[in-house]
N, C-alpha and C. Protein backbone atom coordinates (compact mmCIF):
# COMPACT_ATOMS: atom_id res chain seq x y z
N UNK A 1 -19.42 -9.79 22.82
CA UNK A 1 -18.52 -8.78 22.40
C UNK A 1 -18.85 -7.55 22.83
N UNK A 2 -18.48 -6.65 23.18
CA UNK A 2 -18.50 -5.43 23.44
C UNK A 2 -18.25 -4.40 22.21
N UNK A 3 -18.87 -3.27 22.21
CA UNK A 3 -18.64 -2.44 21.01
C UNK A 3 -17.26 -2.06 21.20
N UNK A 4 -16.44 -1.79 20.24
CA UNK A 4 -15.35 -0.98 19.92
C UNK A 4 -15.38 0.45 19.95
N UNK A 5 -14.29 0.85 20.72
CA UNK A 5 -14.46 2.44 21.28
C UNK A 5 -13.10 2.92 20.74
N UNK A 6 -13.25 4.24 20.27
CA UNK A 6 -11.90 4.92 19.62
C UNK A 6 -11.17 5.52 20.86
N UNK A 7 -9.97 6.38 20.78
CA UNK A 7 -9.43 7.09 21.62
C UNK A 7 -10.13 8.01 22.49
N UNK A 8 -11.40 8.58 21.73
CA UNK A 8 -12.35 9.72 22.55
C UNK A 8 -13.37 9.04 23.12
N UNK A 9 -13.57 7.31 23.16
CA UNK A 9 -14.49 6.76 23.70
C UNK A 9 -15.72 6.88 23.23
N UNK A 10 -15.58 7.27 21.52
CA UNK A 10 -16.86 7.10 20.76
C UNK A 10 -16.86 5.66 20.36
N UNK A 11 -18.28 5.00 20.51
CA UNK A 11 -18.51 3.82 20.08
C UNK A 11 -18.44 3.68 18.29
N UNK A 12 -17.73 2.57 17.83
CA UNK A 12 -17.50 2.61 16.51
C UNK A 12 -18.28 1.55 15.91
N UNK A 13 -18.79 0.56 16.77
CA UNK A 13 -19.75 -0.25 16.14
C UNK A 13 -20.40 -0.92 17.43
N UNK A 14 -21.58 -1.58 16.90
CA UNK A 14 -22.76 -2.02 18.30
C UNK A 14 -22.33 -3.60 17.95
N UNK A 15 -22.53 -4.13 19.27
CA UNK A 15 -21.90 -6.09 19.57
C UNK A 15 -23.24 -6.32 20.30
N UNK A 16 -22.73 -7.81 20.61
CA UNK A 16 -23.72 -8.52 21.36
C UNK A 16 -23.12 -8.07 23.00
N UNK A 17 -24.09 -8.32 24.12
CA UNK A 17 -23.60 -8.04 25.34
C UNK A 17 -22.73 -9.42 25.91
N UNK A 18 -22.08 -9.44 26.69
CA UNK A 18 -21.31 -10.16 27.47
C UNK A 18 -20.83 -9.77 28.95
N UNK A 19 -20.49 -11.10 29.78
CA UNK A 19 -19.98 -10.68 31.02
C UNK A 19 -18.62 -9.84 30.79
N UNK A 20 -18.27 -9.03 31.32
CA UNK A 20 -17.16 -8.19 31.50
C UNK A 20 -16.45 -8.99 32.64
N UNK A 21 -14.89 -8.83 32.11
CA UNK A 21 -13.86 -9.33 33.04
C UNK A 21 -13.17 -8.45 33.68
N UNK A 22 -12.72 -8.40 34.67
CA UNK A 22 -11.61 -7.28 35.14
C UNK A 22 -10.72 -8.06 36.32
N UNK A 23 -9.79 -7.27 36.91
CA UNK A 23 -8.74 -8.20 37.95
C UNK A 23 -9.79 -8.76 38.94
N UNK A 24 -9.26 -9.95 39.51
CA UNK A 24 -10.32 -10.38 40.48
C UNK A 24 -9.81 -10.42 41.83
N UNK A 25 -9.08 -9.33 41.95
CA UNK A 25 -8.64 -9.23 43.47
C UNK A 25 -7.15 -9.68 44.23
N UNK A 26 -6.64 -9.02 45.26
CA UNK A 26 -5.26 -9.48 45.41
C UNK A 26 -5.04 -10.66 45.52
N UNK A 27 -6.00 -11.39 46.23
CA UNK A 27 -5.79 -13.02 46.29
C UNK A 27 -5.46 -13.70 45.43
N UNK A 28 -5.72 -13.29 43.93
CA UNK A 28 -5.33 -14.05 42.93
C UNK A 28 -3.65 -13.96 42.45
N UNK A 29 -3.19 -13.15 43.73
CA UNK A 29 -1.82 -13.52 43.75
C UNK A 29 -1.44 -15.16 43.54
N UNK A 30 -2.17 -15.70 44.64
CA UNK A 30 -1.52 -17.08 44.98
C UNK A 30 -1.79 -17.96 43.78
N UNK A 31 -2.79 -17.57 42.50
CA UNK A 31 -3.01 -18.54 41.56
C UNK A 31 -1.89 -18.04 40.49
N UNK A 32 -1.36 -16.62 40.39
CA UNK A 32 -0.14 -16.36 39.56
C UNK A 32 1.00 -17.09 40.09
N UNK A 33 1.25 -17.34 41.44
CA UNK A 33 2.76 -17.75 41.92
C UNK A 33 2.50 -19.27 41.32
N UNK A 34 1.47 -19.76 41.66
CA UNK A 34 1.47 -21.26 41.29
C UNK A 34 1.39 -21.69 39.89
N UNK A 35 1.13 -20.60 38.92
CA UNK A 35 0.95 -20.82 37.47
C UNK A 35 2.67 -20.45 36.90
N UNK A 36 3.42 -20.04 37.76
CA UNK A 36 4.64 -19.39 37.38
C UNK A 36 5.97 -20.13 37.81
N UNK A 37 6.83 -21.13 37.42
CA UNK A 37 7.63 -21.40 37.69
C UNK A 37 9.12 -20.43 38.05
N UNK A 38 9.03 -19.48 37.00
CA UNK A 38 9.91 -18.34 37.35
C UNK A 38 9.65 -17.58 38.52
N UNK A 39 8.60 -17.39 38.80
CA UNK A 39 8.18 -16.52 39.99
C UNK A 39 8.42 -17.36 41.27
N UNK A 40 7.87 -18.71 41.14
CA UNK A 40 8.51 -19.51 42.50
C UNK A 40 9.85 -19.66 42.69
N UNK A 41 10.86 -19.69 41.72
CA UNK A 41 12.19 -19.77 41.79
C UNK A 41 12.75 -18.41 42.45
N UNK A 42 12.33 -17.23 41.93
CA UNK A 42 12.51 -16.37 42.62
C UNK A 42 11.81 -15.85 43.95
N UNK A 43 11.06 -16.35 44.39
CA UNK A 43 10.53 -16.60 45.75
C UNK A 43 11.05 -17.28 46.49
N UNK A 44 11.72 -18.35 46.17
CA UNK A 44 12.45 -19.23 46.93
C UNK A 44 13.90 -18.61 47.14
N UNK A 45 14.27 -17.73 46.45
CA UNK A 45 15.71 -17.04 47.11
C UNK A 45 15.42 -15.52 48.02
N UNK A 46 14.34 -15.57 48.63
CA UNK A 46 14.07 -14.29 49.03
C UNK A 46 13.54 -14.66 50.45
N UNK A 47 13.60 -13.68 51.55
CA UNK A 47 13.23 -14.00 53.07
C UNK A 47 11.93 -13.81 53.29
N UNK A 48 11.39 -13.00 52.46
CA UNK A 48 10.18 -12.07 52.82
C UNK A 48 9.63 -11.69 51.34
N UNK A 49 8.26 -11.53 51.35
CA UNK A 49 7.48 -11.13 50.49
C UNK A 49 6.63 -10.00 50.84
N UNK A 50 6.57 -8.82 50.19
CA UNK A 50 5.77 -8.06 50.43
C UNK A 50 4.49 -7.76 49.38
N UNK A 51 3.36 -7.56 50.00
CA UNK A 51 2.01 -7.82 49.23
C UNK A 51 1.36 -6.48 49.55
N UNK A 52 1.17 -5.79 48.48
CA UNK A 52 0.56 -4.25 48.88
C UNK A 52 -0.46 -3.75 47.92
N UNK A 53 -1.53 -3.27 48.45
CA UNK A 53 -2.33 -2.65 47.39
C UNK A 53 -1.87 -1.59 46.40
N UNK A 54 -2.12 -1.83 45.24
CA UNK A 54 -1.47 -0.72 44.37
C UNK A 54 -2.07 0.85 44.50
N UNK A 55 -3.66 0.81 44.83
CA UNK A 55 -4.24 2.03 44.89
C UNK A 55 -4.29 2.42 46.69
N UNK A 56 -3.46 2.11 47.11
CA UNK A 56 -3.23 2.39 48.71
C UNK A 56 -2.04 3.47 48.80
N UNK A 57 -2.07 5.07 48.69
CA UNK A 57 -1.11 5.83 48.85
C UNK A 57 -0.44 5.63 50.14
N UNK A 58 -1.03 4.97 51.33
CA UNK A 58 -0.13 4.77 52.36
C UNK A 58 0.59 3.90 52.59
N UNK A 59 0.84 2.78 51.50
CA UNK A 59 1.84 1.60 51.28
C UNK A 59 3.29 2.46 51.40
N UNK A 60 4.05 1.68 52.00
CA UNK A 60 5.55 2.15 51.97
C UNK A 60 6.04 0.87 51.06
N UNK A 61 6.75 0.86 50.21
CA UNK A 61 7.01 -0.30 49.48
C UNK A 61 8.30 -0.52 50.02
N UNK A 62 8.57 -1.84 50.37
CA UNK A 62 9.82 -2.50 51.28
C UNK A 62 10.14 -1.63 52.29
N UNK A 63 9.14 -1.70 53.45
CA UNK A 63 8.75 -1.19 54.28
C UNK A 63 10.09 -1.56 55.38
N UNK A 64 10.84 -1.07 55.84
CA UNK A 64 12.21 -1.65 56.73
C UNK A 64 11.72 -2.09 58.05
N UNK A 65 10.63 -1.33 58.82
CA UNK A 65 9.91 -1.47 59.92
C UNK A 65 9.15 -2.81 59.80
N UNK A 66 8.29 -2.87 58.76
CA UNK A 66 7.56 -4.10 58.75
C UNK A 66 8.31 -5.54 58.59
N UNK A 67 9.53 -5.14 57.53
CA UNK A 67 10.43 -6.34 57.21
C UNK A 67 10.87 -6.60 58.49
N UNK A 68 11.68 -5.72 59.20
CA UNK A 68 12.46 -6.05 60.19
C UNK A 68 11.49 -7.01 61.58
N UNK A 69 10.42 -6.27 61.38
CA UNK A 69 9.45 -6.87 62.81
C UNK A 69 9.00 -8.29 62.34
N UNK A 70 8.73 -8.62 60.80
CA UNK A 70 8.58 -10.02 60.54
C UNK A 70 9.85 -10.90 60.67
N UNK A 71 11.22 -10.44 60.46
CA UNK A 71 12.40 -11.21 60.70
C UNK A 71 12.64 -11.53 61.94
N UNK A 72 12.72 -10.31 62.76
CA UNK A 72 13.11 -10.78 64.22
C UNK A 72 12.01 -11.61 64.58
N UNK A 73 10.69 -11.56 64.52
CA UNK A 73 9.99 -12.41 65.47
C UNK A 73 9.70 -13.44 64.67
N UNK A 74 10.41 -13.70 63.83
CA UNK A 74 10.05 -14.92 62.85
C UNK A 74 8.54 -15.36 62.57
N UNK A 75 8.07 -14.12 61.98
CA UNK A 75 6.57 -14.42 61.65
C UNK A 75 6.32 -15.03 60.18
N UNK A 76 4.97 -15.81 60.06
CA UNK A 76 4.80 -16.41 58.64
C UNK A 76 4.11 -15.24 57.96
N UNK A 77 3.61 -14.39 58.53
CA UNK A 77 2.92 -13.23 58.10
C UNK A 77 2.51 -12.18 59.12
N UNK A 78 2.37 -11.24 58.49
CA UNK A 78 1.87 -9.61 59.19
C UNK A 78 1.36 -8.98 58.33
N UNK A 79 0.50 -8.03 58.82
CA UNK A 79 -0.21 -6.96 58.00
C UNK A 79 -0.37 -5.60 59.12
N UNK A 80 -0.20 -4.53 58.30
CA UNK A 80 -0.53 -3.51 58.93
C UNK A 80 -2.12 -2.91 58.76
N UNK A 81 -2.61 -2.34 59.67
CA UNK A 81 -3.74 -1.82 59.62
C UNK A 81 -3.72 -0.27 60.43
N UNK A 82 -5.01 0.29 60.01
CA UNK A 82 -5.13 1.80 60.95
C UNK A 82 -6.79 1.78 61.26
N UNK A 83 -6.95 2.76 62.30
CA UNK A 83 -8.10 2.76 62.72
C UNK A 83 -9.09 3.35 61.59
N UNK A 84 -10.30 2.72 61.65
CA UNK A 84 -11.15 3.15 60.58
C UNK A 84 -11.54 4.42 60.73
N UNK A 85 -12.12 5.57 59.82
CA UNK A 85 -12.37 6.74 60.00
C UNK A 85 -13.96 6.81 60.43
N UNK A 86 -14.69 6.00 60.32
CA UNK A 86 -15.81 5.59 60.58
C UNK A 86 -16.38 4.25 60.28
N UNK A 87 -17.67 3.98 60.69
CA UNK A 87 -18.20 2.53 60.62
C UNK A 87 -18.53 2.38 59.01
N UNK A 88 -19.17 3.46 58.33
CA UNK A 88 -19.24 3.23 56.81
C UNK A 88 -18.05 3.31 55.87
N UNK A 89 -16.73 3.16 56.41
CA UNK A 89 -15.72 3.39 55.64
C UNK A 89 -15.45 1.89 55.05
N UNK A 90 -15.24 1.95 53.49
CA UNK A 90 -15.44 1.05 52.76
C UNK A 90 -13.91 0.04 52.79
N UNK A 91 -13.62 -0.50 53.80
CA UNK A 91 -12.19 -1.36 54.00
C UNK A 91 -12.43 -2.73 54.69
N UNK A 92 -12.01 -3.53 54.63
CA UNK A 92 -12.10 -4.92 55.35
C UNK A 92 -11.50 -4.53 56.77
N UNK A 93 -11.81 -5.47 57.81
CA UNK A 93 -11.53 -5.11 58.84
C UNK A 93 -10.81 -6.48 59.44
N UNK A 94 -9.54 -6.35 60.44
CA UNK A 94 -9.00 -7.42 60.90
C UNK A 94 -9.62 -7.64 61.99
N UNK A 95 -10.10 -9.21 62.16
CA UNK A 95 -11.00 -9.56 63.43
C UNK A 95 -10.73 -10.97 63.72
N UNK A 96 -11.52 -11.44 64.43
CA UNK A 96 -11.26 -12.95 65.03
C UNK A 96 -12.50 -13.65 64.35
N UNK A 97 -12.35 -14.57 64.00
CA UNK A 97 -13.54 -15.42 63.50
C UNK A 97 -13.19 -16.91 63.64
N UNK A 98 -14.33 -17.36 64.19
CA UNK A 98 -13.94 -19.26 64.66
C UNK A 98 -12.59 -18.94 65.35
N UNK A 99 -12.27 -18.23 66.20
CA UNK A 99 -11.05 -18.35 66.77
C UNK A 99 -9.76 -18.10 65.75
N UNK A 100 -10.04 -17.56 64.64
CA UNK A 100 -8.69 -17.39 63.94
C UNK A 100 -8.77 -15.88 63.40
N UNK A 101 -7.71 -14.98 63.37
CA UNK A 101 -7.64 -13.73 62.62
C UNK A 101 -7.95 -13.96 61.41
N UNK A 102 -8.63 -13.11 61.11
CA UNK A 102 -8.97 -12.66 59.65
C UNK A 102 -9.12 -11.45 59.07
N UNK A 103 -9.47 -11.15 57.87
CA UNK A 103 -9.93 -9.98 57.38
C UNK A 103 -11.19 -10.29 56.95
N UNK A 104 -12.45 -9.57 57.56
CA UNK A 104 -13.89 -9.67 57.10
C UNK A 104 -14.04 -8.31 56.24
N UNK A 105 -14.31 -8.70 55.06
CA UNK A 105 -14.68 -7.70 53.83
C UNK A 105 -15.54 -6.82 54.46
N UNK A 106 -15.80 -5.48 54.13
CA UNK A 106 -16.91 -4.60 54.68
C UNK A 106 -18.20 -5.22 53.99
N UNK A 107 -18.13 -5.47 52.84
CA UNK A 107 -19.24 -6.02 52.26
C UNK A 107 -20.17 -7.18 52.58
N UNK A 108 -19.38 -8.02 53.63
CA UNK A 108 -20.02 -9.21 54.19
C UNK A 108 -20.28 -9.13 55.72
N UNK A 109 -20.21 -8.02 56.33
CA UNK A 109 -20.35 -7.70 57.93
C UNK A 109 -21.68 -6.83 57.66
N UNK A 110 -22.46 -7.59 58.74
CA UNK A 110 -23.98 -7.07 58.91
C UNK A 110 -23.77 -5.64 59.52
N UNK A 111 -24.80 -4.72 58.88
CA UNK A 111 -24.67 -3.02 59.16
C UNK A 111 -24.55 -3.00 60.97
N UNK A 112 -25.37 -3.74 61.77
CA UNK A 112 -25.40 -3.49 63.05
C UNK A 112 -24.09 -4.11 63.97
N UNK A 113 -23.36 -5.07 62.96
CA UNK A 113 -21.96 -5.39 63.41
C UNK A 113 -21.19 -4.28 63.15
N UNK A 114 -21.24 -3.32 62.14
CA UNK A 114 -20.07 -2.48 61.48
C UNK A 114 -20.32 -1.47 62.24
N UNK A 115 -21.41 -0.94 62.88
CA UNK A 115 -22.02 0.01 63.43
C UNK A 115 -21.79 0.08 65.45
N UNK A 116 -21.39 -1.49 65.64
CA UNK A 116 -21.40 -1.73 67.26
C UNK A 116 -20.34 -0.99 67.64
N UNK A 117 -20.51 -0.42 68.92
CA UNK A 117 -19.31 0.38 69.56
C UNK A 117 -19.13 -0.33 71.01
N UNK A 118 -17.86 0.04 71.48
CA UNK A 118 -17.45 -0.29 72.75
C UNK A 118 -18.05 0.59 73.80
N UNK A 119 -17.98 0.51 75.07
CA UNK A 119 -18.45 1.36 75.80
C UNK A 119 -17.57 2.87 76.06
N UNK A 120 -16.51 2.76 75.44
CA UNK A 120 -16.03 4.12 75.27
C UNK A 120 -16.55 4.99 74.08
N UNK A 121 -17.33 4.18 73.29
CA UNK A 121 -17.61 4.91 72.00
C UNK A 121 -16.90 4.48 70.77
N UNK A 122 -15.83 3.94 70.98
CA UNK A 122 -14.84 3.23 69.67
C UNK A 122 -15.70 2.37 68.97
N UNK A 123 -15.37 2.05 67.60
CA UNK A 123 -15.73 0.87 67.19
C UNK A 123 -15.25 -0.17 67.26
N UNK A 124 -16.21 -1.03 67.65
CA UNK A 124 -15.85 -2.76 68.04
C UNK A 124 -14.75 -3.30 66.63
N UNK A 125 -15.17 -2.92 65.40
CA UNK A 125 -14.66 -3.47 64.46
C UNK A 125 -13.84 -2.24 63.61
N UNK A 126 -12.77 -1.74 64.45
CA UNK A 126 -12.16 -0.47 64.18
C UNK A 126 -10.48 -0.47 63.23
N UNK A 127 -10.23 -2.06 63.34
CA UNK A 127 -9.07 -1.84 62.84
C UNK A 127 -8.97 -2.31 61.42
N UNK A 128 -8.74 -1.13 60.67
CA UNK A 128 -9.12 -0.93 59.06
C UNK A 128 -8.05 -1.96 58.14
N UNK A 129 -8.22 -2.83 57.08
CA UNK A 129 -7.20 -3.40 56.32
C UNK A 129 -6.79 -2.72 55.34
N UNK A 130 -5.44 -2.11 55.28
CA UNK A 130 -5.05 -1.28 54.33
C UNK A 130 -4.06 -1.95 53.21
N UNK A 131 -4.25 -3.04 52.91
CA UNK A 131 -3.67 -4.13 52.12
C UNK A 131 -1.85 -4.12 51.94
N UNK A 132 -1.51 -4.22 53.24
CA UNK A 132 -0.26 -4.00 53.65
C UNK A 132 0.33 -5.14 54.04
N UNK A 133 0.79 -6.33 53.55
CA UNK A 133 1.07 -7.56 53.73
C UNK A 133 2.56 -8.13 53.71
N UNK A 134 3.41 -8.72 54.82
CA UNK A 134 4.72 -9.17 54.49
C UNK A 134 4.47 -10.36 55.18
N UNK A 135 4.82 -11.28 53.96
CA UNK A 135 5.05 -12.81 54.14
C UNK A 135 6.19 -13.68 54.19
N UNK A 136 6.38 -14.60 55.02
CA UNK A 136 7.95 -15.15 55.07
C UNK A 136 7.81 -15.95 53.43
N UNK A 137 8.71 -16.05 52.94
CA UNK A 137 8.85 -16.51 51.52
C UNK A 137 8.57 -17.99 51.58
N UNK A 138 8.99 -18.68 52.46
CA UNK A 138 9.10 -20.00 52.76
C UNK A 138 7.57 -20.55 53.04
N UNK A 139 6.71 -19.82 53.89
CA UNK A 139 5.76 -19.83 54.20
C UNK A 139 4.59 -19.55 53.03
N UNK A 140 4.85 -18.53 52.18
CA UNK A 140 3.97 -18.25 50.80
C UNK A 140 4.17 -19.41 49.90
N UNK A 141 5.08 -19.91 49.76
CA UNK A 141 5.40 -21.02 49.02
C UNK A 141 5.21 -22.35 49.45
N UNK A 142 4.79 -22.49 50.82
CA UNK A 142 3.97 -23.68 51.35
C UNK A 142 2.61 -23.95 51.05
N UNK A 143 2.24 -22.38 51.18
CA UNK A 143 0.60 -22.22 50.98
C UNK A 143 0.46 -22.68 49.61
N UNK A 144 1.30 -22.41 48.61
CA UNK A 144 0.62 -22.68 47.24
C UNK A 144 0.71 -24.18 46.81
N UNK A 145 2.15 -24.86 47.40
CA UNK A 145 2.23 -26.32 47.16
C UNK A 145 1.52 -26.89 47.77
N UNK A 146 0.97 -26.69 48.92
CA UNK A 146 -0.25 -27.64 49.52
C UNK A 146 -1.76 -27.49 49.35
N UNK A 147 -1.73 -26.10 48.48
CA UNK A 147 -3.19 -25.76 48.17
C UNK A 147 -3.96 -25.00 49.27
N UNK A 148 -3.46 -24.87 50.54
CA UNK A 148 -3.79 -23.95 51.32
C UNK A 148 -4.19 -22.52 51.41
N UNK A 149 -4.03 -22.12 50.20
CA UNK A 149 -3.91 -20.71 50.10
C UNK A 149 -5.64 -20.17 49.77
N UNK A 150 -6.41 -21.43 49.59
CA UNK A 150 -8.13 -20.68 49.36
C UNK A 150 -7.87 -19.51 47.95
N UNK A 151 -7.15 -20.35 47.16
CA UNK A 151 -7.51 -19.71 45.97
C UNK A 151 -8.86 -19.83 45.25
N UNK A 152 -9.87 -20.35 45.87
CA UNK A 152 -11.30 -20.64 44.88
C UNK A 152 -11.95 -19.92 45.97
N UNK A 153 -11.63 -19.19 47.21
CA UNK A 153 -12.54 -18.21 47.93
C UNK A 153 -12.60 -16.93 47.57
N UNK A 154 -14.05 -16.82 46.70
CA UNK A 154 -14.36 -15.53 46.15
C UNK A 154 -15.35 -14.79 47.12
N UNK A 155 -15.21 -13.65 47.20
CA UNK A 155 -15.79 -12.77 47.89
C UNK A 155 -16.76 -11.73 47.03
N UNK A 156 -18.07 -11.21 47.51
CA UNK A 156 -18.58 -10.62 46.67
C UNK A 156 -18.15 -8.82 46.82
N UNK A 157 -18.22 -8.31 45.79
CA UNK A 157 -18.02 -6.50 46.11
C UNK A 157 -18.69 -6.03 45.26
N UNK A 158 -19.83 -5.11 45.69
CA UNK A 158 -20.41 -4.21 44.86
C UNK A 158 -19.82 -2.82 44.48
N UNK A 159 -19.57 -2.51 43.35
CA UNK A 159 -18.69 -1.76 42.70
C UNK A 159 -19.48 -0.98 41.63
N UNK A 160 -18.71 0.20 41.25
CA UNK A 160 -19.09 1.16 40.05
C UNK A 160 -18.60 0.68 39.13
N UNK A 161 -19.28 -0.03 38.11
CA UNK A 161 -18.41 -0.44 36.87
C UNK A 161 -19.36 0.08 35.55
N UNK A 162 -18.31 1.09 34.79
CA UNK A 162 -18.74 1.62 33.58
C UNK A 162 -19.18 0.61 32.78
N UNK A 163 -20.17 1.00 31.84
CA UNK A 163 -20.95 0.07 30.97
C UNK A 163 -21.26 0.69 29.78
N UNK A 164 -21.66 0.15 28.55
CA UNK A 164 -22.20 0.71 27.30
C UNK A 164 -23.59 0.95 27.37
N UNK A 165 -24.17 1.95 26.94
CA UNK A 165 -25.89 2.21 26.69
C UNK A 165 -25.88 2.06 25.28
N UNK A 166 -26.21 1.23 24.81
CA UNK A 166 -26.43 0.71 23.34
C UNK A 166 -27.36 1.60 22.77
N UNK A 167 -28.51 1.94 23.32
CA UNK A 167 -29.47 3.15 22.80
C UNK A 167 -28.99 4.23 22.47
N UNK A 168 -28.26 4.89 23.82
CA UNK A 168 -27.34 5.91 23.38
C UNK A 168 -26.09 6.09 22.72
N UNK A 169 -25.60 4.79 22.65
CA UNK A 169 -24.07 4.69 22.02
C UNK A 169 -23.10 5.55 22.31
N UNK A 170 -23.22 5.25 23.99
CA UNK A 170 -22.05 6.06 24.48
C UNK A 170 -21.54 4.92 26.02
N UNK A 171 -20.56 5.39 26.55
CA UNK A 171 -20.12 4.60 27.81
C UNK A 171 -20.56 5.53 28.59
N UNK A 172 -21.24 4.80 30.04
CA UNK A 172 -21.64 5.44 30.80
C UNK A 172 -20.61 5.27 32.33
N UNK A 173 -20.42 6.00 32.99
CA UNK A 173 -19.76 6.19 34.06
C UNK A 173 -20.79 6.39 35.17
N UNK A 174 -21.07 5.48 35.82
CA UNK A 174 -21.87 5.24 36.57
C UNK A 174 -21.66 6.02 38.24
N UNK A 175 -22.57 6.64 38.65
CA UNK A 175 -22.26 7.51 40.30
C UNK A 175 -22.49 6.79 40.89
N UNK A 176 -23.22 5.74 41.14
CA UNK A 176 -23.12 4.58 42.23
C UNK A 176 -22.80 3.03 41.89
N UNK A 177 -22.76 2.36 42.74
CA UNK A 177 -22.38 1.13 42.73
C UNK A 177 -23.79 0.64 41.78
N UNK A 178 -23.22 -0.15 40.66
CA UNK A 178 -24.50 -1.08 39.76
C UNK A 178 -23.83 -2.61 39.61
N UNK A 179 -23.05 -2.92 40.02
CA UNK A 179 -22.62 -4.30 39.59
C UNK A 179 -21.82 -4.89 40.71
N UNK A 180 -22.08 -6.57 40.87
CA UNK A 180 -21.32 -7.23 41.68
C UNK A 180 -20.24 -7.79 40.85
N UNK A 181 -18.72 -7.75 41.56
CA UNK A 181 -17.56 -8.28 41.11
C UNK A 181 -17.25 -9.50 42.27
N UNK A 182 -16.49 -10.38 41.91
CA UNK A 182 -16.36 -11.58 42.59
C UNK A 182 -14.91 -11.63 42.72
N UNK A 183 -14.43 -11.44 43.63
CA UNK A 183 -12.79 -11.07 43.99
C UNK A 183 -12.05 -12.10 44.90
N UNK A 184 -10.96 -12.36 44.80
CA UNK A 184 -10.24 -13.19 45.64
C UNK A 184 -9.47 -12.06 46.48
N UNK A 185 -9.53 -12.24 47.94
CA UNK A 185 -8.83 -11.54 48.93
C UNK A 185 -8.07 -12.10 49.76
N UNK A 186 -6.61 -11.36 50.07
CA UNK A 186 -5.62 -12.43 50.96
C UNK A 186 -6.40 -12.14 52.35
């Protein structure tokens, strides 16, 4: 158990250490749908399902352009991306891997590949994933039903995670990354 903390962040009691749990990434969507009959029923009545990152201010909820693009072209899925600001920007990149389009997480690309440039000086891995997906509802449900959603594929992410310093009896907000998280990503 972790120490109990009051509204001001003061520790009320000292307890044992344990692994902390947190949201495990946007790919957990598949597991949530698989576990909820009500959610599957709702999705079955839709044509498209939008999946966006809640922490991305660029997201346009129910983007009519992306919805129309998916519907007119009869796509199973689409995503929006934007040019990376620089090689060190911490976003996944849209790329080809083993002949298939994918999103490669920034934490899993070697630095030399991340910094690789084209002859014109632009980044080779320049298409940053900004967590803006549109999925055909029937396709999404088929991924869940067939088990092809890769819901067991975790990615490691080096993150800033607050922790309790039991010697000083206070919560520490780290200034730099200090813990590995294991997350599911779309």
